[in-house]
Amino acid sequence: MVKFIIRQVQNKKEYKNQLIRVEKFPEDYKFVFDKMKYYMWGFAFGDGTFMLKRQGDLIELFENGIRDKKSVIELIGEDIVGFYDEFLLEDKKWTTRFEDKLNFKIYNYIN
């Protein structure tokens, strides 16, 4: 239990540090990040530790795009939801359990 509490405190601190980094973004990057953050956290699995890491990955990607003087659309493309779905493709989400169950039922029925 103590480890869980310590991890939650560390996660909260990391989350706040990430948002401080985002405050330095140009307005268009901030706007897209905020929308994507809302979308991403809607799929968070468990205590959110993994999504926190993925959010950090997204911030790093955006920081590199800003450094390279790319527009946010040039960086992620025009299909923003498609980009993010691809970004989260390999990640475990709360919907994964339902997807796995559906695949299992269909596969067992057909075979």
C-alpha atoms as a PDB file:
ATOM      1  CA  MET A   1       0.000   0.000   0.000  1.00  0.00           C
ATOM      2  CA  VAL A   2       2.836   2.371   0.821  1.00  0.00           C
ATOM      3  CA  LYS A   3       4.425   1.740  -2.597  1.00  0.00           C
ATOM      4  CA  PHE A   4       1.098   2.536  -4.269  1.00  0.00           C
ATOM      5  CA  ILE A   5       0.805   5.846  -2.412  1.00  0.00           C
ATOM      6  CA  ILE A   6       4.406   6.767  -3.186  1.00  0.00           C
ATOM      7  CA  ARG A   7       3.844   5.969  -6.876  1.00  0.00           C
ATOM      8  CA  GLN A   8       0.684   8.097  -6.928  1.00  0.00           C
ATOM      9  CA  VAL A   9       2.528  11.054  -5.386  1.00  0.00           C
ATOM     10  CA  GLN A  10       5.359  10.642  -7.907  1.00  0.00           C
ATOM     11  CA  ASN A  11       2.851  10.387 -10.755  1.00  0.00           C
ATOM     12  CA  LYS A  12       1.089  13.545  -9.646  1.00  0.00           C
ATOM     13  CA  LYS A  13       4.407  15.395  -9.493  1.00  0.00           C
ATOM     14  CA  GLU A  14       5.390  14.098 -12.956  1.00  0.00           C
ATOM     15  CA  TYR A  15       1.981  15.095 -14.359  1.00  0.00           C
ATOM     16  CA  LYS A  16       2.398  18.650 -13.060  1.00  0.00           C
ATOM     17  CA  ASN A  17       5.943  18.827 -14.479  1.00  0.00           C
ATOM     18  CA  GLN A  18       4.651  17.681 -17.855  1.00  0.00           C
ATOM     19  CA  LEU A  19       1.984  20.379 -17.887  1.00  0.00           C
ATOM     20  CA  ILE A  20       4.647  22.996 -17.100  1.00  0.00           C
ATOM     21  CA  ARG A  21       6.487  21.867 -20.245  1.00  0.00           C
ATOM     22  CA  VAL A  22       3.260  22.188 -22.252  1.00  0.00           C
ATOM     23  CA  GLU A  23       2.800  25.787 -21.088  1.00  0.00           C
ATOM     24  CA  LYS A  24       5.875  26.681 -23.171  1.00  0.00           C
ATOM     25  CA  PHE A  25       4.236  25.402 -26.373  1.00  0.00           C
ATOM     26  CA  PRO A  26       2.923  27.771 -29.054  1.00  0.00           C
ATOM     27  CA  GLU A  27      -0.859  28.195 -28.861  1.00  0.00           C
ATOM     28  CA  ASP A  28      -1.678  25.797 -31.702  1.00  0.00           C
ATOM     29  CA  TYR A  29       0.423  23.035 -30.141  1.00  0.00           C
ATOM     30  CA  LYS A  30      -1.155  23.685 -26.737  1.00  0.00           C
ATOM     31  CA  PHE A  31      -4.646  23.516 -28.185  1.00  0.00           C
ATOM     32  CA  VAL A  32      -3.993  20.210 -29.981  1.00  0.00           C
ATOM     33  CA  PHE A  33      -2.200  18.761 -26.951  1.00  0.00           C
ATOM     34  CA  ASP A  34      -5.101  19.635 -24.633  1.00  0.00           C
ATOM     35  CA  LYS A  35      -7.615  17.980 -26.952  1.00  0.00           C
ATOM     36  CA  MET A  36      -5.419  14.921 -27.379  1.00  0.00           C
ATOM     37  CA  LYS A  37      -4.795  14.729 -23.619  1.00  0.00           C
ATOM     38  CA  TYR A  38      -8.540  14.616 -22.986  1.00  0.00           C
ATOM     39  CA  TYR A  39      -8.927  11.906 -25.627  1.00  0.00           C
ATOM     40  CA  MET A  40      -5.973   9.889 -24.314  1.00  0.00           C
ATOM     41  CA  TRP A  41      -6.996   9.927 -20.668  1.00  0.00           C
ATOM     42  CA  GLY A  42     -10.445   8.700 -21.670  1.00  0.00           C
ATOM     43  CA  PHE A  43      -8.743   5.382 -22.468  1.00  0.00           C
ATOM     44  CA  ALA A  44      -6.431   5.208 -19.450  1.00  0.00           C
ATOM     45  CA  PHE A  45      -6.015   1.734 -17.994  1.00  0.00           C
ATOM     46  CA  GLY A  46      -5.463   1.036 -14.307  1.00  0.00           C
ATOM     47  CA  ASP A  47      -3.988   3.837 -12.225  1.00  0.00           C
ATOM     48  CA  GLY A  48      -2.884   5.792 -15.303  1.00  0.00           C
ATOM     49  CA  THR A  49       0.849   5.237 -14.852  1.00  0.00           C
ATOM     50  CA  PHE A  50       1.288   3.997 -18.407  1.00  0.00           C
ATOM     51  CA  MET A  51      -0.768   6.829 -19.925  1.00  0.00           C
ATOM     52  CA  LEU A  52       1.374   9.283 -17.985  1.00  0.00           C
ATOM     53  CA  LYS A  53       4.423   7.868 -19.770  1.00  0.00           C
ATOM     54  CA  ARG A  54       2.663   8.048 -23.136  1.00  0.00           C
ATOM     55  CA  GLN A  55       1.695  11.652 -22.402  1.00  0.00           C
ATOM     56  CA  GLY A  56       5.388  12.363 -21.771  1.00  0.00           C
ATOM     57  CA  ASP A  57       6.208  10.738 -25.111  1.00  0.00           C
ATOM     58  CA  LEU A  58       3.678  12.995 -26.820  1.00  0.00           C
ATOM     59  CA  ILE A  59       5.132  16.081 -25.134  1.00  0.00           C
ATOM     60  CA  GLU A  60       8.602  15.083 -26.302  1.00  0.00           C
ATOM     61  CA  LEU A  61       7.331  14.570 -29.858  1.00  0.00           C
ATOM     62  CA  PHE A  62       5.710  18.013 -29.782  1.00  0.00           C
ATOM     63  CA  GLU A  63       8.848  19.626 -28.340  1.00  0.00           C
ATOM     64  CA  ASN A  64      10.871  18.137 -31.199  1.00  0.00           C
ATOM     65  CA  GLY A  65       8.323  19.413 -33.728  1.00  0.00           C
ATOM     66  CA  ILE A  66       8.521  22.897 -32.249  1.00  0.00           C
ATOM     67  CA  ARG A  67      12.326  22.774 -32.264  1.00  0.00           C
ATOM     68  CA  ASP A  68      12.250  21.699 -35.927  1.00  0.00           C
ATOM     69  CA  LYS A  69       9.851  24.586 -36.683  1.00  0.00           C
ATOM     70  CA  LYS A  70       7.073  22.287 -37.956  1.00  0.00           C
ATOM     71  CA  SER A  71       3.426  23.182 -37.683  1.00  0.00           C
ATOM     72  CA  VAL A  72       1.476  20.836 -35.447  1.00  0.00           C
ATOM     73  CA  ILE A  73      -0.514  19.551 -38.438  1.00  0.00           C
ATOM     74  CA  GLU A  74       2.700  18.994 -40.389  1.00  0.00           C
ATOM     75  CA  LEU A  75       3.967  16.944 -37.433  1.00  0.00           C
ATOM     76  CA  ILE A  76       0.933  14.725 -36.795  1.00  0.00           C
ATOM     77  CA  GLY A  77      -1.056  14.976 -40.028  1.00  0.00           C
ATOM     78  CA  GLU A  78      -4.611  16.062 -40.739  1.00  0.00           C
ATOM     79  CA  ASP A  79      -6.247  12.977 -39.185  1.00  0.00           C
ATOM     80  CA  ILE A  80      -5.529  13.849 -35.571  1.00  0.00           C
ATOM     81  CA  VAL A  81      -7.668  11.083 -34.062  1.00  0.00           C
ATOM     82  CA  GLY A  82      -6.128   8.606 -36.494  1.00  0.00           C
ATOM     83  CA  PHE A  83      -2.668   9.758 -35.423  1.00  0.00           C
ATOM     84  CA  TYR A  84      -3.494   9.284 -31.799  1.00  0.00           C
ATOM     85  CA  ASP A  85      -5.167   5.920 -32.308  1.00  0.00           C
ATOM     86  CA  GLU A  86      -1.983   4.805 -34.047  1.00  0.00           C
ATOM     87  CA  PHE A  87       0.081   6.346 -31.222  1.00  0.00           C
ATOM     88  CA  LEU A  88      -1.842   4.249 -28.680  1.00  0.00           C
ATOM     89  CA  LEU A  89      -2.176   1.151 -30.863  1.00  0.00           C
ATOM     90  CA  GLU A  90       0.135  -1.076 -28.830  1.00  0.00           C
ATOM     91  CA  ASP A  91      -0.965   0.259 -25.438  1.00  0.00           C
ATOM     92  CA  LYS A  92      -3.308  -1.396 -23.014  1.00  0.00           C
ATOM     93  CA  LYS A  93      -6.513   0.597 -22.660  1.00  0.00           C
ATOM     94  CA  TRP A  94      -9.633   0.072 -20.575  1.00  0.00           C
ATOM     95  CA  THR A  95     -11.369  -1.037 -23.782  1.00  0.00           C
ATOM     96  CA  THR A  96      -8.784  -3.785 -24.362  1.00  0.00           C
ATOM     97  CA  ARG A  97     -10.637  -6.174 -22.056  1.00  0.00           C
ATOM     98  CA  PHE A  98     -13.850  -5.797 -24.093  1.00  0.00           C
ATOM     99  CA  GLU A  99     -12.010  -6.097 -27.398  1.00  0.00           C
ATOM    100  CA  ASP A 100     -10.241  -9.271 -26.264  1.00  0.00           C
ATOM    101  CA  LYS A 101     -13.500 -10.776 -24.993  1.00  0.00           C
ATOM    102  CA  LEU A 102     -15.286 -10.036 -28.284  1.00  0.00           C
ATOM    103  CA  ASN A 103     -12.447 -11.517 -30.335  1.00  0.00           C
ATOM    104  CA  PHE A 104     -12.430 -14.621 -28.130  1.00  0.00           C
ATOM    105  CA  LYS A 105     -16.198 -15.149 -28.412  1.00  0.00           C
ATOM    106  CA  ILE A 106     -16.257 -14.752 -32.175  1.00  0.00           C
ATOM    107  CA  TYR A 107     -13.196 -16.903 -32.740  1.00  0.00           C
ATOM    108  CA  ASN A 108     -14.553 -19.699 -30.532  1.00  0.00           C
ATOM    109  CA  TYR A 109     -17.972 -19.572 -32.159  1.00  0.00           C
ATOM    110  CA  ILE A 110     -16.595 -19.791 -35.679  1.00  0.00           C
ATOM    111  CA  ASN A 111     -13.997 -22.453 -34.901  1.00  0.00           C
END
